[in-house]
Amino acid sequence: MAVVQAYILIQTEVGRAALAAATIAEISGVASSEEVSGPYDVIVRVEATDAGHLNNDVVPQIQKVDGITRTLTCPVVNAAH
């Protein structure tokens, strides 16, 4: 069971958001990946076993996706149930 959740806000090159969101959705640990409007182009929700797994495995795989120019990782500190 995942113990660390985070939202990753992503900016992409113009016209690359849909493909980036679809590619990211296939990465292990990604719970959802959606193209959005606003200052960011894609918002991703990830789940990891711990902070190390999040920072060393999941986030770097997302950052390698072609067309991504910037990411901002926002760990969830208190999930509402």
N, C-alpha and C. Protein backbone atom coordinates (compact mmCIF):
# COMPACT_ATOMS: atom_id res chain seq x y z
N MET A 1 0.84 -1.19 0.00
CA MET A 1 0.00 0.00 0.00
C MET A 1 0.88 1.25 0.00
N ALA A 2 0.53 2.22 -0.81
CA ALA A 2 1.29 3.45 -0.90
C ALA A 2 1.16 4.27 0.37
N VAL A 3 2.25 4.83 0.81
CA VAL A 3 2.21 5.68 1.99
C VAL A 3 2.53 7.13 1.67
N VAL A 4 3.08 7.40 0.49
CA VAL A 4 3.39 8.76 0.08
C VAL A 4 2.63 9.06 -1.20
N GLN A 5 1.90 10.16 -1.18
CA GLN A 5 1.18 10.61 -2.37
C GLN A 5 1.66 12.02 -2.69
N ALA A 6 1.63 12.35 -3.97
CA ALA A 6 2.04 13.69 -4.37
C ALA A 6 1.32 14.07 -5.66
N TYR A 7 1.21 15.37 -5.87
CA TYR A 7 0.75 15.90 -7.14
C TYR A 7 1.97 16.50 -7.83
N ILE A 8 2.09 16.25 -9.11
CA ILE A 8 3.19 16.82 -9.88
C ILE A 8 2.56 17.73 -10.94
N LEU A 9 2.92 18.99 -10.87
CA LEU A 9 2.45 19.99 -11.82
C LEU A 9 3.49 20.10 -12.92
N ILE A 10 3.05 20.01 -14.17
CA ILE A 10 3.98 19.90 -15.30
C ILE A 10 3.70 20.95 -16.36
N GLN A 11 4.77 21.58 -16.82
CA GLN A 11 4.69 22.45 -17.98
C GLN A 11 5.36 21.71 -19.14
N THR A 12 4.77 21.85 -20.33
CA THR A 12 5.29 21.18 -21.51
C THR A 12 5.55 22.18 -22.63
N GLU A 13 6.25 21.70 -23.64
CA GLU A 13 6.40 22.48 -24.86
C GLU A 13 5.01 22.65 -25.48
N VAL A 14 4.81 23.70 -26.24
CA VAL A 14 3.53 23.98 -26.87
C VAL A 14 3.09 22.78 -27.71
N GLY A 15 1.85 22.36 -27.49
CA GLY A 15 1.28 21.26 -28.25
C GLY A 15 1.68 19.87 -27.80
N ARG A 16 2.40 19.75 -26.69
CA ARG A 16 2.90 18.45 -26.24
C ARG A 16 2.16 17.89 -25.02
N ALA A 17 1.21 18.63 -24.47
CA ALA A 17 0.57 18.24 -23.21
C ALA A 17 -0.18 16.93 -23.31
N ALA A 18 -0.98 16.73 -24.34
CA ALA A 18 -1.79 15.52 -24.45
C ALA A 18 -0.91 14.27 -24.55
N LEU A 19 0.12 14.34 -25.37
CA LEU A 19 1.02 13.18 -25.51
C LEU A 19 1.79 12.93 -24.22
N ALA A 20 2.24 14.00 -23.57
CA ALA A 20 2.96 13.84 -22.30
C ALA A 20 2.06 13.20 -21.25
N ALA A 21 0.81 13.66 -21.15
CA ALA A 21 -0.12 13.11 -20.16
C ALA A 21 -0.37 11.63 -20.42
N ALA A 22 -0.53 11.25 -21.67
CA ALA A 22 -0.77 9.84 -22.01
C ALA A 22 0.46 8.99 -21.71
N THR A 23 1.63 9.50 -22.02
CA THR A 23 2.87 8.76 -21.75
C THR A 23 3.08 8.59 -20.25
N ILE A 24 2.86 9.64 -19.50
CA ILE A 24 3.04 9.61 -18.04
C ILE A 24 2.08 8.62 -17.40
N ALA A 25 0.87 8.52 -17.92
CA ALA A 25 -0.14 7.61 -17.36
C ALA A 25 0.33 6.17 -17.33
N GLU A 26 1.29 5.81 -18.18
CA GLU A 26 1.78 4.43 -18.26
C GLU A 26 2.92 4.15 -17.28
N ILE A 27 3.41 5.16 -16.58
CA ILE A 27 4.54 4.99 -15.66
C ILE A 27 4.07 4.37 -14.34
N SER A 28 4.82 3.42 -13.84
CA SER A 28 4.50 2.77 -12.57
C SER A 28 4.50 3.79 -11.44
N GLY A 29 3.46 3.78 -10.63
CA GLY A 29 3.33 4.72 -9.53
C GLY A 29 2.41 5.88 -9.84
N VAL A 30 2.05 6.05 -11.11
CA VAL A 30 1.16 7.15 -11.51
C VAL A 30 -0.28 6.69 -11.34
N ALA A 31 -1.02 7.39 -10.50
CA ALA A 31 -2.43 7.06 -10.26
C ALA A 31 -3.34 7.76 -11.26
N SER A 32 -2.97 8.99 -11.67
CA SER A 32 -3.74 9.71 -12.69
C SER A 32 -2.83 10.73 -13.36
N SER A 33 -3.15 11.03 -14.61
CA SER A 33 -2.39 12.00 -15.39
C SER A 33 -3.38 12.70 -16.31
N GLU A 34 -3.55 14.01 -16.11
CA GLU A 34 -4.58 14.73 -16.84
C GLU A 34 -4.06 16.02 -17.43
N GLU A 35 -4.44 16.29 -18.67
CA GLU A 35 -4.14 17.56 -19.32
C GLU A 35 -5.10 18.61 -18.75
N VAL A 36 -4.58 19.77 -18.39
CA VAL A 36 -5.40 20.83 -17.79
C VAL A 36 -5.07 22.17 -18.45
N SER A 37 -5.90 23.17 -18.18
CA SER A 37 -5.60 24.52 -18.64
C SER A 37 -5.10 25.33 -17.45
N GLY A 38 -4.42 26.42 -17.73
CA GLY A 38 -3.87 27.25 -16.67
C GLY A 38 -2.37 27.33 -16.79
N PRO A 39 -1.68 27.69 -15.71
CA PRO A 39 -0.23 27.87 -15.78
C PRO A 39 0.52 26.55 -15.98
N TYR A 40 -0.11 25.43 -15.67
CA TYR A 40 0.49 24.12 -15.90
C TYR A 40 -0.33 23.40 -16.96
N ASP A 41 0.30 22.47 -17.65
CA ASP A 41 -0.34 21.77 -18.76
C ASP A 41 -0.85 20.38 -18.39
N VAL A 42 -0.20 19.76 -17.41
CA VAL A 42 -0.55 18.40 -16.99
C VAL A 42 -0.46 18.36 -15.47
N ILE A 43 -1.43 17.69 -14.84
CA ILE A 43 -1.35 17.43 -13.40
C ILE A 43 -1.38 15.92 -13.21
N VAL A 44 -0.43 15.44 -12.42
CA VAL A 44 -0.26 14.01 -12.19
C VAL A 44 -0.38 13.73 -10.71
N ARG A 45 -1.09 12.66 -10.35
CA ARG A 45 -1.12 12.19 -8.96
C ARG A 45 -0.34 10.90 -8.92
N VAL A 46 0.63 10.84 -8.00
CA VAL A 46 1.47 9.66 -7.88
C VAL A 46 1.36 9.06 -6.48
N GLU A 47 1.64 7.79 -6.40
CA GLU A 47 1.67 7.07 -5.13
C GLU A 47 2.96 6.28 -5.08
N ALA A 48 3.66 6.38 -3.95
CA ALA A 48 4.93 5.69 -3.77
C ALA A 48 5.00 5.06 -2.39
N THR A 49 5.85 4.09 -2.25
CA THR A 49 5.97 3.40 -0.96
C THR A 49 6.61 4.27 0.11
N ASP A 50 7.49 5.20 -0.30
CA ASP A 50 8.12 6.13 0.63
C ASP A 50 8.70 7.30 -0.15
N ALA A 51 9.22 8.29 0.56
CA ALA A 51 9.75 9.49 -0.09
C ALA A 51 10.92 9.18 -1.00
N GLY A 52 11.74 8.22 -0.62
CA GLY A 52 12.88 7.83 -1.45
C GLY A 52 12.42 7.27 -2.78
N HIS A 53 11.43 6.40 -2.74
CA HIS A 53 10.88 5.83 -3.98
C HIS A 53 10.29 6.93 -4.85
N LEU A 54 9.58 7.86 -4.24
CA LEU A 54 9.00 8.99 -4.97
C LEU A 54 10.09 9.81 -5.66
N ASN A 55 11.10 10.21 -4.89
CA ASN A 55 12.13 11.11 -5.39
C ASN A 55 13.17 10.45 -6.30
N ASN A 56 13.43 9.17 -6.08
CA ASN A 56 14.49 8.50 -6.82
C ASN A 56 14.01 7.66 -7.99
N ASP A 57 12.74 7.27 -7.98
CA ASP A 57 12.23 6.39 -9.02
C ASP A 57 11.09 7.00 -9.83
N VAL A 58 10.03 7.42 -9.16
CA VAL A 58 8.83 7.87 -9.86
C VAL A 58 9.05 9.22 -10.54
N VAL A 59 9.47 10.23 -9.81
CA VAL A 59 9.63 11.57 -10.36
C VAL A 59 10.65 11.60 -11.51
N PRO A 60 11.82 10.97 -11.37
CA PRO A 60 12.77 10.99 -12.50
C PRO A 60 12.21 10.35 -13.78
N GLN A 61 11.39 9.31 -13.65
CA GLN A 61 10.79 8.70 -14.84
C GLN A 61 9.84 9.68 -15.52
N ILE A 62 9.11 10.44 -14.73
CA ILE A 62 8.20 11.44 -15.30
C ILE A 62 9.01 12.54 -15.98
N GLN A 63 10.08 13.00 -15.35
CA GLN A 63 10.87 14.10 -15.89
C GLN A 63 11.56 13.73 -17.21
N LYS A 64 11.72 12.44 -17.48
CA LYS A 64 12.35 11.99 -18.72
C LYS A 64 11.41 12.02 -19.92
N VAL A 65 10.13 12.21 -19.69
CA VAL A 65 9.15 12.19 -20.78
C VAL A 65 9.42 13.35 -21.74
N ASP A 66 9.45 13.04 -23.01
CA ASP A 66 9.73 14.02 -24.05
C ASP A 66 8.69 15.14 -24.05
N GLY A 67 9.16 16.38 -24.15
CA GLY A 67 8.27 17.54 -24.22
C GLY A 67 8.07 18.26 -22.91
N ILE A 68 8.51 17.68 -21.79
CA ILE A 68 8.35 18.33 -20.49
C ILE A 68 9.45 19.38 -20.32
N THR A 69 9.05 20.57 -19.90
CA THR A 69 10.02 21.64 -19.68
C THR A 69 10.24 21.96 -18.20
N ARG A 70 9.24 21.67 -17.35
CA ARG A 70 9.37 21.97 -15.92
C ARG A 70 8.39 21.14 -15.13
N THR A 71 8.82 20.70 -13.94
CA THR A 71 7.92 20.00 -13.03
C THR A 71 7.99 20.63 -11.64
N LEU A 72 6.91 20.50 -10.91
CA LEU A 72 6.85 20.94 -9.51
C LEU A 72 6.14 19.84 -8.74
N THR A 73 6.84 19.23 -7.79
CA THR A 73 6.28 18.14 -7.01
C THR A 73 5.73 18.66 -5.69
N CYS A 74 4.46 18.33 -5.41
CA CYS A 74 3.78 18.78 -4.20
C CYS A 74 3.32 17.57 -3.42
N PRO A 75 4.12 17.11 -2.43
CA PRO A 75 3.70 15.96 -1.62
C PRO A 75 2.44 16.28 -0.82
N VAL A 76 1.57 15.30 -0.71
CA VAL A 76 0.36 15.44 0.11
C VAL A 76 0.77 15.28 1.56
N VAL A 77 0.43 16.25 2.41
CA VAL A 77 0.82 16.19 3.81
C VAL A 77 -0.29 15.70 4.71
N ASN A 78 -1.55 15.86 4.27
CA ASN A 78 -2.66 15.41 5.10
C ASN A 78 -3.85 15.11 4.19
N ALA A 79 -4.01 13.86 3.84
CA ALA A 79 -5.09 13.48 2.93
C ALA A 79 -6.42 13.43 3.68
N ALA A 80 -7.42 14.07 3.12
CA ALA A 80 -8.77 14.01 3.69
C ALA A 80 -9.42 12.72 3.28
N HIS A 81 -10.15 12.11 4.18
CA HIS A 81 -10.80 10.83 3.87
C HIS A 81 -12.29 10.97 3.87
